Amino acid sequence: MTWFLIFACTVFSLYFWRQYRQRQREFDSPLASHRSGHSHIGQIIVLQQALENGAGRVRLGNRDWLVRGPDLPAGAKVRVTGVDGTVLLLDRVTT
């Protein structure tokens, strides 16, 4: 009976450890849902508010994002060039 209990505990432990590691791997992935800023790279946006002192806010989808880039007036076209944590990096679009 003791051996059966040891075997059962080992099997359950391995199963839950494997589930934990799989969830952790998905969470650490650069494509994880909480890192959704990466999906906006390359997107062109028209600024609703001016960027002052290199910082501002934009609305993309259903979320407000903090942004960094050159000082630009409202109505300027910008491209998302990168992500620094939860801040989108912008650059002016020349046309």
PDB file of N, CA and C in Angstrom:
ATOM      1  N   MET A   1       0.811  -1.196   0.000  1.00  0.00           N
ATOM      2  CA  MET A   1       0.000   0.000   0.000  1.00  0.00           C
ATOM      3  C   MET A   1       0.862   1.271   0.000  1.00  0.00           C
ATOM      4  N   THR A   2       1.942   1.235   0.739  1.00  0.00           N
ATOM      5  CA  THR A   2       2.830   2.392   0.818  1.00  0.00           C
ATOM      6  C   THR A   2       3.418   2.707  -0.544  1.00  0.00           C
ATOM      7  N   TRP A   3       3.830   1.684  -1.274  1.00  0.00           N
ATOM      8  CA  TRP A   3       4.409   1.893  -2.597  1.00  0.00           C
ATOM      9  C   TRP A   3       3.393   2.504  -3.563  1.00  0.00           C
ATOM     10  N   PHE A   4       2.162   2.080  -3.424  1.00  0.00           N
ATOM     11  CA  PHE A   4       1.115   2.651  -4.286  1.00  0.00           C
ATOM     12  C   PHE A   4       0.940   4.147  -4.003  1.00  0.00           C
ATOM     13  N   LEU A   5       0.931   4.529  -2.733  1.00  0.00           N
ATOM     14  CA  LEU A   5       0.793   5.941  -2.371  1.00  0.00           C
ATOM     15  C   LEU A   5       1.980   6.764  -2.886  1.00  0.00           C
ATOM     16  N   ILE A   6       3.175   6.229  -2.767  1.00  0.00           N
ATOM     17  CA  ILE A   6       4.365   6.928  -3.280  1.00  0.00           C
ATOM     18  C   ILE A   6       4.258   7.081  -4.788  1.00  0.00           C
ATOM     19  N   PHE A   7       3.844   6.025  -5.476  1.00  0.00           N
ATOM     20  CA  PHE A   7       3.688   6.070  -6.928  1.00  0.00           C
ATOM     21  C   PHE A   7       2.627   7.109  -7.329  1.00  0.00           C
ATOM     22  N   ALA A   8       1.471   7.106  -6.664  1.00  0.00           N
ATOM     23  CA  ALA A   8       0.394   8.033  -6.982  1.00  0.00           C
ATOM     24  C   ALA A   8       0.832   9.479  -6.746  1.00  0.00           C
ATOM     25  N   CYS A   9       1.511   9.735  -5.645  1.00  0.00           N
ATOM     26  CA  CYS A   9       1.991  11.091  -5.367  1.00  0.00           C
ATOM     27  C   CYS A   9       2.996  11.547  -6.417  1.00  0.00           C
ATOM     28  N   THR A  10       3.856  10.655  -6.842  1.00  0.00           N
ATOM     29  CA  THR A  10       4.851  10.982  -7.866  1.00  0.00           C
ATOM     30  C   THR A  10       4.179  11.312  -9.186  1.00  0.00           C
ATOM     31  N   VAL A  11       3.212  10.517  -9.594  1.00  0.00           N
ATOM     32  CA  VAL A  11       2.510  10.754 -10.857  1.00  0.00           C
ATOM     33  C   VAL A  11       1.776  12.091 -10.814  1.00  0.00           C
ATOM     34  N   PHE A  12       1.047  12.361  -9.748  1.00  0.00           N
ATOM     35  CA  PHE A  12       0.324  13.629  -9.634  1.00  0.00           C
ATOM     36  C   PHE A  12       1.291  14.815  -9.590  1.00  0.00           C
ATOM     37  N   SER A  13       2.384  14.667  -8.880  1.00  0.00           N
ATOM     38  CA  SER A  13       3.380  15.746  -8.806  1.00  0.00           C
ATOM     39  C   SER A  13       3.965  16.049 -10.181  1.00  0.00           C
ATOM     40  N   LEU A  14       4.324  15.017 -10.911  1.00  0.00           N
ATOM     41  CA  LEU A  14       4.874  15.223 -12.251  1.00  0.00           C
ATOM     42  C   LEU A  14       3.852  15.868 -13.188  1.00  0.00           C
ATOM     43  N   TYR A  15       2.604  15.446 -13.081  1.00  0.00           N
ATOM     44  CA  TYR A  15       1.556  16.016 -13.922  1.00  0.00           C
ATOM     45  C   TYR A  15       1.389  17.508 -13.650  1.00  0.00           C
ATOM     46  N   PHE A  16       1.274  17.903 -12.389  1.00  0.00           N
ATOM     47  CA  PHE A  16       1.066  19.314 -12.050  1.00  0.00           C
ATOM     48  C   PHE A  16       2.314  20.154 -12.324  1.00  0.00           C
ATOM     49  N   TRP A  17       3.501  19.577 -12.128  1.00  0.00           N
ATOM     50  CA  TRP A  17       4.728  20.295 -12.449  1.00  0.00           C
ATOM     51  C   TRP A  17       4.803  20.568 -13.951  1.00  0.00           C
ATOM     52  N   ARG A  18       4.425  19.580 -14.748  1.00  0.00           N
ATOM     53  CA  ARG A  18       4.435  19.762 -16.206  1.00  0.00           C
ATOM     54  C   ARG A  18       3.442  20.841 -16.626  1.00  0.00           C
ATOM     55  N   GLN A  19       2.247  20.870 -16.042  1.00  0.00           N
ATOM     56  CA  GLN A  19       1.261  21.906 -16.339  1.00  0.00           C
ATOM     57  C   GLN A  19       1.790  23.289 -15.948  1.00  0.00           C
ATOM     58  N   TYR A  20       2.423  23.384 -14.795  1.00  0.00           N
ATOM     59  CA  TYR A  20       2.991  24.641 -14.336  1.00  0.00           C
ATOM     60  C   TYR A  20       4.068  25.127 -15.297  1.00  0.00           C
ATOM     61  N   ARG A  21       4.972  24.258 -15.701  1.00  0.00           N
ATOM     62  CA  ARG A  21       6.056  24.639 -16.610  1.00  0.00           C
ATOM     63  C   ARG A  21       5.509  25.075 -17.968  1.00  0.00           C
ATOM     64  N   GLN A  22       4.465  24.419 -18.468  1.00  0.00           N
ATOM     65  CA  GLN A  22       3.870  24.793 -19.752  1.00  0.00           C
ATOM     66  C   GLN A  22       3.256  26.187 -19.667  1.00  0.00           C
ATOM     67  N   ARG A  23       2.523  26.488 -18.598  1.00  0.00           N
ATOM     68  CA  ARG A  23       1.949  27.820 -18.416  1.00  0.00           C
ATOM     69  C   ARG A  23       3.040  28.879 -18.275  1.00  0.00           C
ATOM     70  N   GLN A  24       4.104  28.542 -17.562  1.00  0.00           N
ATOM     71  CA  GLN A  24       5.205  29.480 -17.368  1.00  0.00           C
ATOM     72  C   GLN A  24       5.903  29.764 -18.699  1.00  0.00           C
ATOM     73  N   ARG A  25       6.082  28.768 -19.536  1.00  0.00           N
ATOM     74  CA  ARG A  25       6.707  28.929 -20.841  1.00  0.00           C
ATOM     75  C   ARG A  25       5.857  29.837 -21.734  1.00  0.00           C
ATOM     76  N   GLU A  26       4.541  29.653 -21.699  1.00  0.00           N
ATOM     77  CA  GLU A  26       3.641  30.510 -22.470  1.00  0.00           C
ATOM     78  C   GLU A  26       3.678  31.947 -21.958  1.00  0.00           C
ATOM     79  N   PHE A  27       3.743  32.116 -20.646  1.00  0.00           N
ATOM     80  CA  PHE A  27       3.767  33.448 -20.056  1.00  0.00           C
ATOM     81  C   PHE A  27       5.057  34.190 -20.408  1.00  0.00           C
ATOM     82  N   ASP A  28       6.174  33.480 -20.469  1.00  0.00           N
ATOM     83  CA  ASP A  28       7.469  34.084 -20.772  1.00  0.00           C
ATOM     84  C   ASP A  28       7.691  34.302 -22.263  1.00  0.00           C
ATOM     85  N   SER A  29       6.818  33.774 -23.090  1.00  0.00           N
ATOM     86  CA  SER A  29       6.963  33.911 -24.531  1.00  0.00           C
ATOM     87  C   SER A  29       6.850  35.369 -24.956  1.00  0.00           C
ATOM     88  N   PRO A  30       7.658  35.805 -25.946  1.00  0.00           N
ATOM     89  CA  PRO A  30       7.534  37.189 -26.417  1.00  0.00           C
ATOM     90  C   PRO A  30       6.215  37.461 -27.129  1.00  0.00           C
ATOM     91  N   LEU A  31       5.482  36.425 -27.496  1.00  0.00           N
ATOM     92  CA  LEU A  31       4.201  36.592 -28.173  1.00  0.00           C
ATOM     93  C   LEU A  31       3.015  36.441 -27.235  1.00  0.00           C
ATOM     94  N   ALA A  32       3.271  36.419 -25.922  1.00  0.00           N
ATOM     95  CA  ALA A  32       2.192  36.260 -24.952  1.00  0.00           C
ATOM     96  C   ALA A  32       1.229  37.438 -25.026  1.00  0.00           C
ATOM     97  N   SER A  33      -0.014  37.190 -24.633  1.00  0.00           N
ATOM     98  CA  SER A  33      -1.055  38.211 -24.763  1.00  0.00           C
ATOM     99  C   SER A  33      -0.780  39.456 -23.927  1.00  0.00           C
ATOM    100  N   HIS A  34      -0.084  39.325 -22.801  1.00  0.00           N
ATOM    101  CA  HIS A  34       0.202  40.502 -21.981  1.00  0.00           C
ATOM    102  C   HIS A  34       1.294  41.372 -22.594  1.00  0.00           C
ATOM    103  N   ARG A  35       1.921  40.907 -23.645  1.00  0.00           N
ATOM    104  CA  ARG A  35       2.928  41.700 -24.356  1.00  0.00           C
ATOM    105  C   ARG A  35       2.372  42.170 -25.684  1.00  0.00           C
ATOM    106  N   SER A  36       1.150  42.648 -25.655  1.00  0.00           N
ATOM    107  CA  SER A  36       0.455  42.976 -26.895  1.00  0.00           C
ATOM    108  C   SER A  36       1.013  44.192 -27.609  1.00  0.00           C
ATOM    109  N   GLY A  37       1.884  44.955 -27.000  1.00  0.00           N
ATOM    110  CA  GLY A  37       2.477  46.105 -27.654  1.00  0.00           C
ATOM    111  C   GLY A  37       3.281  45.711 -28.883  1.00  0.00           C
ATOM    112  N   HIS A  38       3.843  44.520 -28.869  1.00  0.00           N
ATOM    113  CA  HIS A  38       4.631  44.048 -30.002  1.00  0.00           C
ATOM    114  C   HIS A  38       3.785  43.896 -31.262  1.00  0.00           C
ATOM    115  N   SER A  39       2.511  43.664 -31.105  1.00  0.00           N
ATOM    116  CA  SER A  39       1.646  43.494 -32.279  1.00  0.00           C
ATOM    117  C   SER A  39       1.401  44.822 -33.000  1.00  0.00           C
ATOM    118  N   HIS A  40       1.734  45.949 -32.379  1.00  0.00           N
ATOM    119  CA  HIS A  40       1.512  47.263 -32.994  1.00  0.00           C
ATOM    120  C   HIS A  40       2.731  47.786 -33.748  1.00  0.00           C
ATOM    121  N   ILE A  41       3.859  47.084 -33.669  1.00  0.00           N
ATOM    122  CA  ILE A  41       5.065  47.555 -34.335  1.00  0.00           C
ATOM    123  C   ILE A  41       4.823  47.632 -35.835  1.00  0.00           C
ATOM    124  N   GLY A  42       5.173  48.771 -36.424  1.00  0.00           N
ATOM    125  CA  GLY A  42       4.979  49.011 -37.846  1.00  0.00           C
ATOM    126  C   GLY A  42       3.685  49.731 -38.178  1.00  0.00           C
ATOM    127  N   GLN A  43       2.793  49.836 -37.227  1.00  0.00           N
ATOM    128  CA  GLN A  43       1.500  50.482 -37.449  1.00  0.00           C
ATOM    129  C   GLN A  43       1.677  52.000 -37.523  1.00  0.00           C
ATOM    130  N   ILE A  44       0.962  52.631 -38.441  1.00  0.00           N
ATOM    131  CA  ILE A  44       0.999  54.087 -38.577  1.00  0.00           C
ATOM    132  C   ILE A  44      -0.223  54.671 -37.878  1.00  0.00           C
ATOM    133  N   ILE A  45       0.019  55.705 -37.063  1.00  0.00           N
ATOM    134  CA  ILE A  45      -1.019  56.313 -36.229  1.00  0.00           C
ATOM    135  C   ILE A  45      -1.036  57.814 -36.479  1.00  0.00           C
ATOM    136  N   VAL A  46      -2.202  58.420 -36.399  1.00  0.00           N
ATOM    137  CA  VAL A  46      -2.331  59.877 -36.395  1.00  0.00           C
ATOM    138  C   VAL A  46      -2.523  60.291 -34.938  1.00  0.00           C
ATOM    139  N   LEU A  47      -1.649  61.151 -34.446  1.00  0.00           N
ATOM    140  CA  LEU A  47      -1.696  61.569 -33.040  1.00  0.00           C
ATOM    141  C   LEU A  47      -2.930  62.414 -32.760  1.00  0.00           C
ATOM    142  N   GLN A  48      -3.656  62.081 -31.720  1.00  0.00           N
ATOM    143  CA  GLN A  48      -4.793  62.874 -31.268  1.00  0.00           C
ATOM    144  C   GLN A  48      -4.336  63.962 -30.303  1.00  0.00           C
ATOM    145  N   GLN A  49      -3.244  63.678 -29.580  1.00  0.00           N
ATOM    146  CA  GLN A  49      -2.663  64.647 -28.644  1.00  0.00           C
ATOM    147  C   GLN A  49      -1.201  64.842 -29.017  1.00  0.00           C
ATOM    148  N   ALA A  50      -0.690  66.029 -28.769  1.00  0.00           N
ATOM    149  CA  ALA A  50       0.712  66.322 -29.091  1.00  0.00           C
ATOM    150  C   ALA A  50       1.649  65.540 -28.172  1.00  0.00           C
ATOM    151  N   LEU A  51       2.827  65.211 -28.701  1.00  0.00           N
ATOM    152  CA  LEU A  51       3.889  64.643 -27.872  1.00  0.00           C
ATOM    153  C   LEU A  51       4.730  65.803 -27.366  1.00  0.00           C
ATOM    154  N   GLU A  52       4.795  65.959 -26.071  1.00  0.00           N
ATOM    155  CA  GLU A  52       5.546  67.046 -25.457  1.00  0.00           C
ATOM    156  C   GLU A  52       6.620  66.462 -24.564  1.00  0.00           C
ATOM    157  N   ASN A  53       7.814  67.019 -24.649  1.00  0.00           N
ATOM    158  CA  ASN A  53       8.965  66.529 -23.888  1.00  0.00           C
ATOM    159  C   ASN A  53       9.240  65.052 -24.179  1.00  0.00           C
ATOM    160  N   GLY A  54       8.922  64.639 -25.396  1.00  0.00           N
ATOM    161  CA  GLY A  54       9.216  63.272 -25.819  1.00  0.00           C
ATOM    162  C   GLY A  54       8.276  62.213 -25.293  1.00  0.00           C
ATOM    163  N   ALA A  55       7.164  62.604 -24.692  1.00  0.00           N
ATOM    164  CA  ALA A  55       6.240  61.615 -24.121  1.00  0.00           C
ATOM    165  C   ALA A  55       4.799  62.019 -24.388  1.00  0.00           C
ATOM    166  N   GLY A  56       3.916  61.040 -24.343  1.00  0.00           N
ATOM    167  CA  GLY A  56       2.500  61.304 -24.536  1.00  0.00           C
ATOM    168  C   GLY A  56       1.691  60.031 -24.402  1.00  0.00           C
ATOM    169  N   ARG A  57       0.454  60.096 -24.887  1.00  0.00           N
ATOM    170  CA  ARG A  57      -0.462  58.952 -24.836  1.00  0.00           C
ATOM    171  C   ARG A  57      -1.164  58.823 -26.175  1.00  0.00           C
ATOM    172  N   VAL A  58      -1.447  57.577 -26.562  1.00  0.00           N
ATOM    173  CA  VAL A  58      -2.266  57.306 -27.747  1.00  0.00           C
ATOM    174  C   VAL A  58      -3.250  56.209 -27.398  1.00  0.00           C
ATOM    175  N   ARG A  59      -4.320  56.150 -28.154  1.00  0.00           N
ATOM    176  CA  ARG A  59      -5.323  55.088 -27.979  1.00  0.00           C
ATOM    177  C   ARG A  59      -5.224  54.158 -29.168  1.00  0.00           C
ATOM    178  N   LEU A  60      -4.907  52.901 -28.899  1.00  0.00           N
ATOM    179  CA  LEU A  60      -4.851  51.866 -29.930  1.00  0.00           C
ATOM    180  C   LEU A  60      -5.777  50.736 -29.506  1.00  0.00           C
ATOM    181  N   GLY A  61      -6.737  50.442 -30.344  1.00  0.00           N
ATOM    182  CA  GLY A  61      -7.706  49.416 -29.981  1.00  0.00           C
ATOM    183  C   GLY A  61      -8.527  49.885 -28.807  1.00  0.00           C
ATOM    184  N   ASN A  62      -8.568  49.098 -27.755  1.00  0.00           N
ATOM    185  CA  ASN A  62      -9.349  49.474 -26.575  1.00  0.00           C
ATOM    186  C   ASN A  62      -8.452  49.850 -25.400  1.00  0.00           C
ATOM    187  N   ARG A  63      -7.208  50.238 -25.692  1.00  0.00           N
ATOM    188  CA  ARG A  63      -6.251  50.516 -24.626  1.00  0.00           C
ATOM    189  C   ARG A  63      -5.503  51.822 -24.887  1.00  0.00           C
ATOM    190  N   ASP A  64      -5.247  52.559 -23.816  1.00  0.00           N
ATOM    191  CA  ASP A  64      -4.396  53.741 -23.889  1.00  0.00           C
ATOM    192  C   ASP A  64      -2.954  53.311 -23.642  1.00  0.00           C
ATOM    193  N   TRP A  65      -2.033  53.809 -24.466  1.00  0.00           N
ATOM    194  CA  TRP A  65      -0.626  53.463 -24.362  1.00  0.00           C
ATOM    195  C   TRP A  65       0.190  54.716 -24.053  1.00  0.00           C
ATOM    196  N   LEU A  66       1.177  54.564 -23.197  1.00  0.00           N
ATOM    197  CA  LEU A  66       2.185  55.600 -23.033  1.00  0.00           C
ATOM    198  C   LEU A  66       3.120  55.481 -24.222  1.00  0.00           C
ATOM    199  N   VAL A  67       3.553  56.626 -24.768  1.00  0.00           N
ATOM    200  CA  VAL A  67       4.433  56.597 -25.934  1.00  0.00           C
ATOM    201  C   VAL A  67       5.606  57.540 -25.705  1.00  0.00           C
ATOM    202  N   ARG A  68       6.706  57.242 -26.392  1.00  0.00           N
ATOM    203  CA  ARG A  68       7.888  58.093 -26.393  1.00  0.00           C
ATOM    204  C   ARG A  68       8.299  58.325 -27.829  1.00  0.00           C
ATOM    205  N   GLY A  69       8.764  59.521 -28.106  1.00  0.00           N
ATOM    206  CA  GLY A  69       9.216  59.862 -29.441  1.00  0.00           C
ATOM    207  C   GLY A  69       9.566  61.329 -29.510  1.00  0.00           C
ATOM    208  N   PRO A  70       9.834  61.824 -30.699  1.00  0.00           N
ATOM    209  CA  PRO A  70      10.170  63.246 -30.842  1.00  0.00           C
ATOM    210  C   PRO A  70       8.941  64.113 -30.555  1.00  0.00           C
ATOM    211  N   ASP A  71       9.184  65.358 -30.156  1.00  0.00           N
ATOM    212  CA  ASP A  71       8.080  66.304 -29.927  1.00  0.00           C
ATOM    213  C   ASP A  71       7.350  66.538 -31.238  1.00  0.00           C
ATOM    214  N   LEU A  72       6.049  66.255 -31.244  1.00  0.00           N
ATOM    215  CA  LEU A  72       5.232  66.391 -32.453  1.00  0.00           C
ATOM    216  C   LEU A  72       3.888  67.011 -32.097  1.00  0.00           C
ATOM    217  N   PRO A  73       3.290  67.747 -33.040  1.00  0.00           N
ATOM    218  CA  PRO A  73       1.969  68.318 -32.777  1.00  0.00           C
ATOM    219  C   PRO A  73       0.869  67.275 -32.972  1.00  0.00           C
ATOM    220  N   ALA A  74      -0.313  67.579 -32.464  1.00  0.00           N
ATOM    221  CA  ALA A  74      -1.473  66.712 -32.697  1.00  0.00           C
ATOM    222  C   ALA A  74      -1.755  66.684 -34.189  1.00  0.00           C
ATOM    223  N   GLY A  75      -2.151  65.544 -34.711  1.00  0.00           N
ATOM    224  CA  GLY A  75      -2.440  65.399 -36.135  1.00  0.00           C
ATOM    225  C   GLY A  75      -1.263  64.875 -36.938  1.00  0.00           C
ATOM    226  N   ALA A  76      -0.085  64.760 -36.323  1.00  0.00           N
ATOM    227  CA  ALA A  76       1.094  64.244 -37.029  1.00  0.00           C
ATOM    228  C   ALA A  76       0.983  62.732 -37.194  1.00  0.00           C
ATOM    229  N   LYS A  77       1.536  62.230 -38.301  1.00  0.00           N
ATOM    230  CA  LYS A  77       1.563  60.784 -38.524  1.00  0.00           C
ATOM    231  C   LYS A  77       2.851  60.216 -37.953  1.00  0.00           C
ATOM    232  N   VAL A  78       2.701  59.128 -37.203  1.00  0.00           N
ATOM    233  CA  VAL A  78       3.850  58.459 -36.598  1.00  0.00           C
ATOM    234  C   VAL A  78       3.749  56.959 -36.840  1.00  0.00           C
ATOM    235  N   ARG A  79       4.901  56.299 -36.755  1.00  0.00           N
ATOM    236  CA  ARG A  79       4.957  54.843 -36.885  1.00  0.00           C
ATOM    237  C   ARG A  79       5.479  54.262 -35.578  1.00  0.00           C
ATOM    238  N   VAL A  80       4.877  53.169 -35.134  1.00  0.00           N
ATOM    239  CA  VAL A  80       5.353  52.468 -33.939  1.00  0.00           C
ATOM    240  C   VAL A  80       6.596  51.678 -34.355  1.00  0.00           C
ATOM    241  N   THR A  81       7.735  52.004 -33.749  1.00  0.00           N
ATOM    242  CA  THR A  81       8.995  51.357 -34.124  1.00  0.00           C
ATOM    243  C   THR A  81       9.487  50.345 -33.110  1.00  0.00           C
ATOM    244  N   GLY A  82       8.932  50.344 -31.912  1.00  0.00           N
ATOM    245  CA  GLY A  82       9.383  49.393 -30.911  1.00  0.00           C
ATOM    246  C   GLY A  82       8.577  49.498 -29.634  1.00  0.00           C
ATOM    247  N   VAL A  83       8.973  48.674 -28.684  1.00  0.00           N
ATOM    248  CA  VAL A  83       8.300  48.633 -27.383  1.00  0.00           C
ATOM    249  C   VAL A  83       9.374  48.581 -26.306  1.00  0.00           C
ATOM    250  N   ASP A  84       9.221  49.401 -25.282  1.00  0.00           N
ATOM    251  CA  ASP A  84      10.122  49.386 -24.131  1.00  0.00           C
ATOM    252  C   ASP A  84       9.258  49.138 -22.903  1.00  0.00           C
ATOM    253  N   GLY A  85       9.124  47.891 -22.517  1.00  0.00           N
ATOM    254  CA  GLY A  85       8.226  47.531 -21.421  1.00  0.00           C
ATOM    255  C   GLY A  85       6.792  47.721 -21.858  1.00  0.00           C
ATOM    256  N   THR A  86       6.107  48.701 -21.268  1.00  0.00           N
ATOM    257  CA  THR A  86       4.724  48.994 -21.654  1.00  0.00           C
ATOM    258  C   THR A  86       4.620  50.322 -22.389  1.00  0.00           C
ATOM    259  N   VAL A  87       5.748  50.843 -22.854  1.00  0.00           N
ATOM    260  CA  VAL A  87       5.779  52.122 -23.568  1.00  0.00           C
ATOM    261  C   VAL A  87       6.073  51.857 -25.038  1.00  0.00           C
ATOM    262  N   LEU A  88       5.237  52.411 -25.927  1.00  0.00           N
ATOM    263  CA  LEU A  88       5.470  52.279 -27.363  1.00  0.00           C
ATOM    264  C   LEU A  88       6.449  53.363 -27.813  1.00  0.00           C
ATOM    265  N   LEU A  89       7.374  53.004 -28.672  1.00  0.00           N
ATOM    266  CA  LEU A  89       8.348  53.946 -29.212  1.00  0.00           C
ATOM    267  C   LEU A  89       7.876  54.384 -30.583  1.00  0.00           C
ATOM    268  N   LEU A  90       7.830  55.689 -30.809  1.00  0.00           N
ATOM    269  CA  LEU A  90       7.299  56.242 -32.057  1.00  0.00           C
ATOM    270  C   LEU A  90       8.381  56.995 -32.824  1.00  0.00           C
ATOM    271  N   ASP A  91       8.188  57.070 -34.136  1.00  0.00           N
ATOM    272  CA  ASP A  91       9.049  57.882 -34.983  1.00  0.00           C
ATOM    273  C   ASP A  91       8.186  58.548 -36.025  1.00  0.00           C
ATOM    274  N   ARG A  92       8.566  59.740 -36.451  1.00  0.00           N
ATOM    275  CA  ARG A  92       7.815  60.530 -37.417  1.00  0.00           C
ATOM    276  C   ARG A  92       7.786  59.816 -38.776  1.00  0.00           C
ATOM    277  N   VAL A  93       6.640  59.872 -39.440  1.00  0.00           N
ATOM    278  CA  VAL A  93       6.501  59.340 -40.799  1.00  0.00           C
ATOM    279  C   VAL A  93       6.687  60.503 -41.748  1.00  0.00           C
ATOM    280  N   THR A  94       7.644  60.398 -42.646  1.00  0.00           N
ATOM    281  CA  THR A  94       7.881  61.464 -43.623  1.00  0.00           C
ATOM    282  C   THR A  94       7.207  61.110 -44.923  1.00  0.00           C
ATOM    283  N   THR A  95       6.312  61.958 -45.351  1.00  0.00           N
ATOM    284  CA  THR A  95       5.606  61.767 -46.635  1.00  0.00           C
ATOM    285  C   THR A  95       5.531  63.057 -47.395  1.00  0.00           C
TER     286      THR A  95
END
